[in-house]
């Protein structure tokens, strides 16, 4: 769940006028994907025939670029327990039974959506014990990342990035305190910083050179938030 697709899961990861300010289009796309796939009806494909299912699976595979949010090193499989936590947290804050009849683009609903994402990210962070009593746990974050990265060359990257991002997340949370009934922006800002910094500080010879990754890195560099 970090910086490799696995890492971004707790990200994570990943980054509201509340906490993360939604100005990073690349990270916004990742968040949208996480919400969509975590809350979709898993029974919805069952009525299809095997042949039809193959067609759907092929289509989803072709569209997998939408979830391409890591370009540093090779992709790794997301552990089932991480998937379960992510799905649980997003489902809790984005229930299928929720009434969507109101204008989704009204200021109130946009604000509510941002808060829901912040709450879901807090849920993920707390489930992994990355944050306790409002305090980000550096050692736990580092340990978790080390357990998820695939290659040895990635491990030396972890501590400096975590040490850089925790103060950024702390400062942002202090500047944007949660409103009544709202969730802290601590986790979402942390995940966004970890994801963004992981991509930007990836060794040049380890950065994937696909057109998609070239575009992603360009977008990240252009966004200074």
Protein backbone atom coordinates (compact mmCIF):
# COMPACT_ATOMS: atom_id res chain seq x y z
CA UNK A 1 0.00 0.00 0.00
CA UNK A 2 2.81 2.43 -0.56
CA UNK A 3 4.33 3.99 -3.54
CA UNK A 4 4.23 0.76 -5.38
CA UNK A 5 0.52 0.00 -5.90
CA UNK A 6 0.81 -1.80 -2.59
CA UNK A 7 2.26 1.24 -0.89
CA UNK A 8 -0.37 3.56 -2.23
CA UNK A 9 -3.05 1.46 -0.58
CA UNK A 10 -2.56 3.25 2.71
CA UNK A 11 -1.97 6.01 0.99
CA UNK A 12 -2.11 4.40 0.51
CA UNK A 13 -2.45 6.57 -0.66
CA UNK A 14 -3.61 8.73 -1.94
CA UNK A 15 -3.86 12.81 -0.68
CA UNK A 16 -9.25 18.38 0.48
CA UNK A 17 -10.08 22.03 1.16
CA UNK A 18 -9.63 19.99 4.22
CA UNK A 19 -6.11 18.54 4.57
CA UNK A 20 -5.06 17.56 1.09
CA UNK A 21 -6.58 20.29 -1.09
CA UNK A 22 -7.48 18.16 -4.14
CA UNK A 23 -5.25 20.23 -6.42
CA UNK A 24 -3.17 17.21 -7.51
CA UNK A 25 -5.02 15.71 -10.48
CA UNK A 26 -2.92 12.55 -10.54
CA UNK A 27 -3.59 11.77 -6.89
CA UNK A 28 -7.25 12.72 -7.29
CA UNK A 29 -7.52 10.10 -10.02
CA UNK A 30 -6.06 7.50 -7.69
CA UNK A 31 -8.54 8.41 -4.95
CA UNK A 32 -11.44 8.15 -7.37
CA UNK A 33 -10.30 4.68 -8.46
CA UNK A 34 -9.96 3.51 -4.86
CA UNK A 35 -13.44 4.67 -3.93
CA UNK A 36 -15.02 3.22 -7.07
CA UNK A 37 -13.49 -0.24 -6.81
CA UNK A 38 -13.79 -0.48 -3.03
CA UNK A 39 -17.49 0.34 -3.00
CA UNK A 40 -18.76 -1.28 -6.20
CA UNK A 41 -21.19 -4.19 -5.93
CA UNK A 42 -19.05 -7.31 -6.11
CA UNK A 43 -22.11 -9.35 -7.07
CA UNK A 44 -22.86 -7.23 -10.12
CA UNK A 45 -20.85 -9.39 -12.51
CA UNK A 46 -22.27 -12.74 -11.42
CA UNK A 47 -25.22 -12.86 -13.88
CA UNK A 48 -22.87 -12.67 -16.88
CA UNK A 49 -21.89 -15.80 -18.78
CA UNK A 50 -18.30 -16.99 -18.63
CA UNK A 51 -17.73 -15.67 -22.12
CA UNK A 52 -19.16 -12.28 -21.22
CA UNK A 53 -17.12 -12.19 -18.03
CA UNK A 54 -13.96 -12.74 -20.06
CA UNK A 55 -14.90 -9.76 -22.18
CA UNK A 56 -15.47 -7.63 -19.10
CA UNK A 57 -12.21 -8.76 -17.53
CA UNK A 58 -10.40 -7.92 -20.77
CA UNK A 59 -11.98 -4.47 -20.82
CA UNK A 60 -10.99 -3.83 -17.20
CA UNK A 61 -7.45 -4.96 -17.96
CA UNK A 62 -7.27 -2.54 -20.89
CA UNK A 63 -8.47 0.23 -18.61
CA UNK A 64 -6.00 -0.61 -15.86
CA UNK A 65 -3.96 2.46 -16.74
CA UNK A 66 -6.38 4.46 -14.61
CA UNK A 67 -4.90 2.82 -11.52
CA UNK A 68 -1.32 3.31 -12.63
CA UNK A 69 -0.20 5.42 -9.75
CA UNK A 70 3.30 4.02 -9.23
CA UNK A 71 6.20 4.41 -11.61
CA UNK A 72 9.11 3.72 -9.26
CA UNK A 73 10.26 0.13 -9.74
CA UNK A 74 8.13 -2.88 -10.57
CA UNK A 75 4.51 -3.23 -9.51
CA UNK A 76 3.73 -5.67 -6.72
CA UNK A 77 0.59 -7.47 -5.64
CA UNK A 78 -1.47 -5.83 -2.92
CA UNK A 79 -1.83 -8.17 0.10
CA UNK A 80 -5.35 -9.39 0.75
CA UNK A 81 -5.44 -7.97 4.26
CA UNK A 82 -4.61 -4.52 2.90
CA UNK A 83 -7.33 -4.83 0.29
CA UNK A 84 -9.82 -5.82 2.96
CA UNK A 85 -9.00 -2.82 5.15
CA UNK A 86 -9.21 -0.43 2.22
CA UNK A 87 -12.55 -1.83 1.08
CA UNK A 88 -13.93 -1.77 4.62
CA UNK A 89 -12.95 1.84 5.23
CA UNK A 90 -14.23 3.16 1.91
CA UNK A 91 -17.44 1.17 2.21
CA UNK A 92 -18.07 2.61 5.68
CA UNK A 93 -17.87 6.17 4.43
CA UNK A 94 -19.32 5.64 0.94
CA UNK A 95 -22.24 3.24 1.55
CA UNK A 96 -24.12 1.97 -1.50
CA UNK A 97 -27.41 2.73 0.22
CA UNK A 98 -26.61 6.42 0.50
CA UNK A 99 -29.07 8.84 -1.09
CA UNK A 100 -27.52 10.46 -4.19
CA UNK A 101 -30.57 12.44 -5.29
CA UNK A 102 -29.13 15.76 -4.19
CA UNK A 103 -26.96 17.92 -6.44
CA UNK A 104 -23.48 16.30 -6.31
CA UNK A 105 -21.84 19.55 -7.36
CA UNK A 106 -23.34 21.77 -4.68
CA UNK A 107 -20.84 23.36 -2.31
CA UNK A 108 -22.25 21.43 0.62
CA UNK A 109 -22.00 18.06 -1.13
CA UNK A 110 -18.50 18.71 -2.41
CA UNK A 111 -17.42 19.64 1.11
CA UNK A 112 -19.09 16.50 2.45
CA UNK A 113 -17.33 14.36 -0.17
CA UNK A 114 -13.95 15.74 0.80
CA UNK A 115 -14.63 15.00 4.45
CA UNK A 116 -15.68 11.43 3.62
CA UNK A 117 -12.41 10.81 1.81
CA UNK A 118 -10.46 12.24 4.74
CA UNK A 119 -12.42 10.00 7.12
CA UNK A 120 -11.78 6.92 4.95
CA UNK A 121 -8.06 7.66 4.87
CA UNK A 122 -8.02 8.09 8.64
CA UNK A 123 -9.77 4.74 8.95
CA UNK A 124 -7.08 3.09 6.82
CA UNK A 125 -4.27 4.74 8.78
CA UNK A 126 -5.77 3.83 12.14
CA UNK A 127 -6.45 0.26 11.05
CA UNK A 128 -2.75 -0.13 10.27
CA UNK A 129 -1.85 1.72 13.51
CA UNK A 130 -0.03 4.40 11.52
CA UNK A 131 -1.74 7.03 13.62
CA UNK A 132 -2.74 6.80 17.28
CA UNK A 133 -4.48 9.49 19.31
CA UNK A 134 -3.87 11.95 16.51
CA UNK A 135 -0.13 11.26 16.34
CA UNK A 136 1.57 9.84 13.26
CA UNK A 137 3.78 6.89 14.23
CA UNK A 138 7.00 7.21 12.24
CA UNK A 139 8.44 3.82 13.19
CA UNK A 140 5.22 2.00 12.30
CA UNK A 141 4.95 3.78 8.96
CA UNK A 142 8.56 2.94 8.11
CA UNK A 143 8.19 -0.67 9.23
CA UNK A 144 5.08 -1.16 7.17
CA UNK A 145 6.65 0.35 4.07
CA UNK A 146 9.72 -1.85 4.47
CA UNK A 147 7.50 -4.92 4.63
CA UNK A 148 5.76 -3.97 1.41
CA UNK A 149 8.52 -2.88 -0.93
CA UNK A 150 9.70 -5.47 -3.39
CA UNK A 151 13.34 -4.56 -4.02
CA UNK A 152 16.23 -3.93 -1.63
CA UNK A 153 17.19 -0.69 -3.39
CA UNK A 154 13.86 0.82 -2.32
CA UNK A 155 14.43 0.37 1.41
CA UNK A 156 16.96 3.23 1.85
CA UNK A 157 14.37 5.58 0.34
CA UNK A 158 11.81 4.94 3.04
CA UNK A 159 13.16 6.65 6.18
CA UNK A 160 14.07 9.99 4.53
CA UNK A 161 10.69 10.20 2.79
CA UNK A 162 8.74 9.38 5.96
CA UNK A 163 10.84 11.84 7.97
CA UNK A 164 10.13 14.51 5.36
CA UNK A 165 6.40 13.88 5.06
CA UNK A 166 5.38 13.59 8.71
CA UNK A 167 6.25 17.24 9.53
CA UNK A 168 4.48 18.34 6.34
CA UNK A 169 1.37 16.42 7.35
CA UNK A 170 1.57 17.73 10.92
CA UNK A 171 1.87 21.35 9.78
CA UNK A 172 -0.97 20.99 7.30
CA UNK A 173 -3.23 19.42 9.91
CA UNK A 174 -2.44 22.24 12.33
CA UNK A 175 -3.30 24.81 9.67
CA UNK A 176 -6.52 23.01 8.71
CA UNK A 177 -8.13 21.74 11.93
CA UNK A 178 -11.15 19.49 11.55
CA UNK A 179 -14.48 21.25 11.70
CA UNK A 180 -17.30 20.06 13.95
CA UNK A 181 -18.17 16.53 12.90
CA UNK A 182 -15.31 16.44 10.42
CA UNK A 183 -12.22 14.25 10.19
CA UNK A 184 -8.59 15.23 10.58
CA UNK A 185 -6.61 15.81 7.42
CA UNK A 186 -3.52 14.21 8.97
CA UNK A 187 -3.74 10.89 7.13
CA UNK A 188 -4.76 12.14 3.68
CA UNK A 189 -1.96 14.71 3.65
CA UNK A 190 0.54 12.10 4.79
CA UNK A 191 -0.51 9.64 2.08
CA UNK A 192 -0.40 12.30 -0.61
CA UNK A 193 3.08 13.44 0.44
CA UNK A 194 4.41 9.88 0.62
CA UNK A 195 3.01 9.00 -2.80
CA UNK A 196 4.22 12.18 -4.48
CA UNK A 197 7.69 12.18 -2.91
CA UNK A 198 8.20 8.49 -3.69
CA UNK A 199 7.70 9.16 -7.38
CA UNK A 200 9.83 12.31 -7.46
CA UNK A 201 12.79 10.83 -5.55
CA UNK A 202 12.90 7.56 -7.43
CA UNK A 203 16.37 6.84 -8.88
CA UNK A 204 16.41 7.76 -12.57
CA UNK A 205 17.45 4.26 -13.63
CA UNK A 206 14.55 2.72 -11.66
CA UNK A 207 11.82 5.01 -12.95
CA UNK A 208 9.58 3.30 -15.49
CA UNK A 209 9.96 4.92 -18.91
CA UNK A 210 6.51 4.18 -20.29
CA UNK A 211 4.57 7.03 -21.92
CA UNK A 212 2.09 6.87 -19.05
CA UNK A 213 4.77 7.22 -16.39
CA UNK A 214 6.46 10.01 -18.31
CA UNK A 215 3.16 11.87 -18.30
CA UNK A 216 2.49 11.10 -14.64
CA UNK A 217 5.87 12.40 -13.49
CA UNK A 218 5.39 15.53 -15.59
CA UNK A 219 2.03 16.18 -13.92
CA UNK A 220 3.48 15.63 -10.45
CA UNK A 221 6.39 18.00 -11.10
CA UNK A 222 4.03 20.67 -12.41
CA UNK A 223 1.94 20.44 -9.26
CA UNK A 224 3.84 22.08 -6.44
CA UNK A 225 1.36 21.29 -3.63
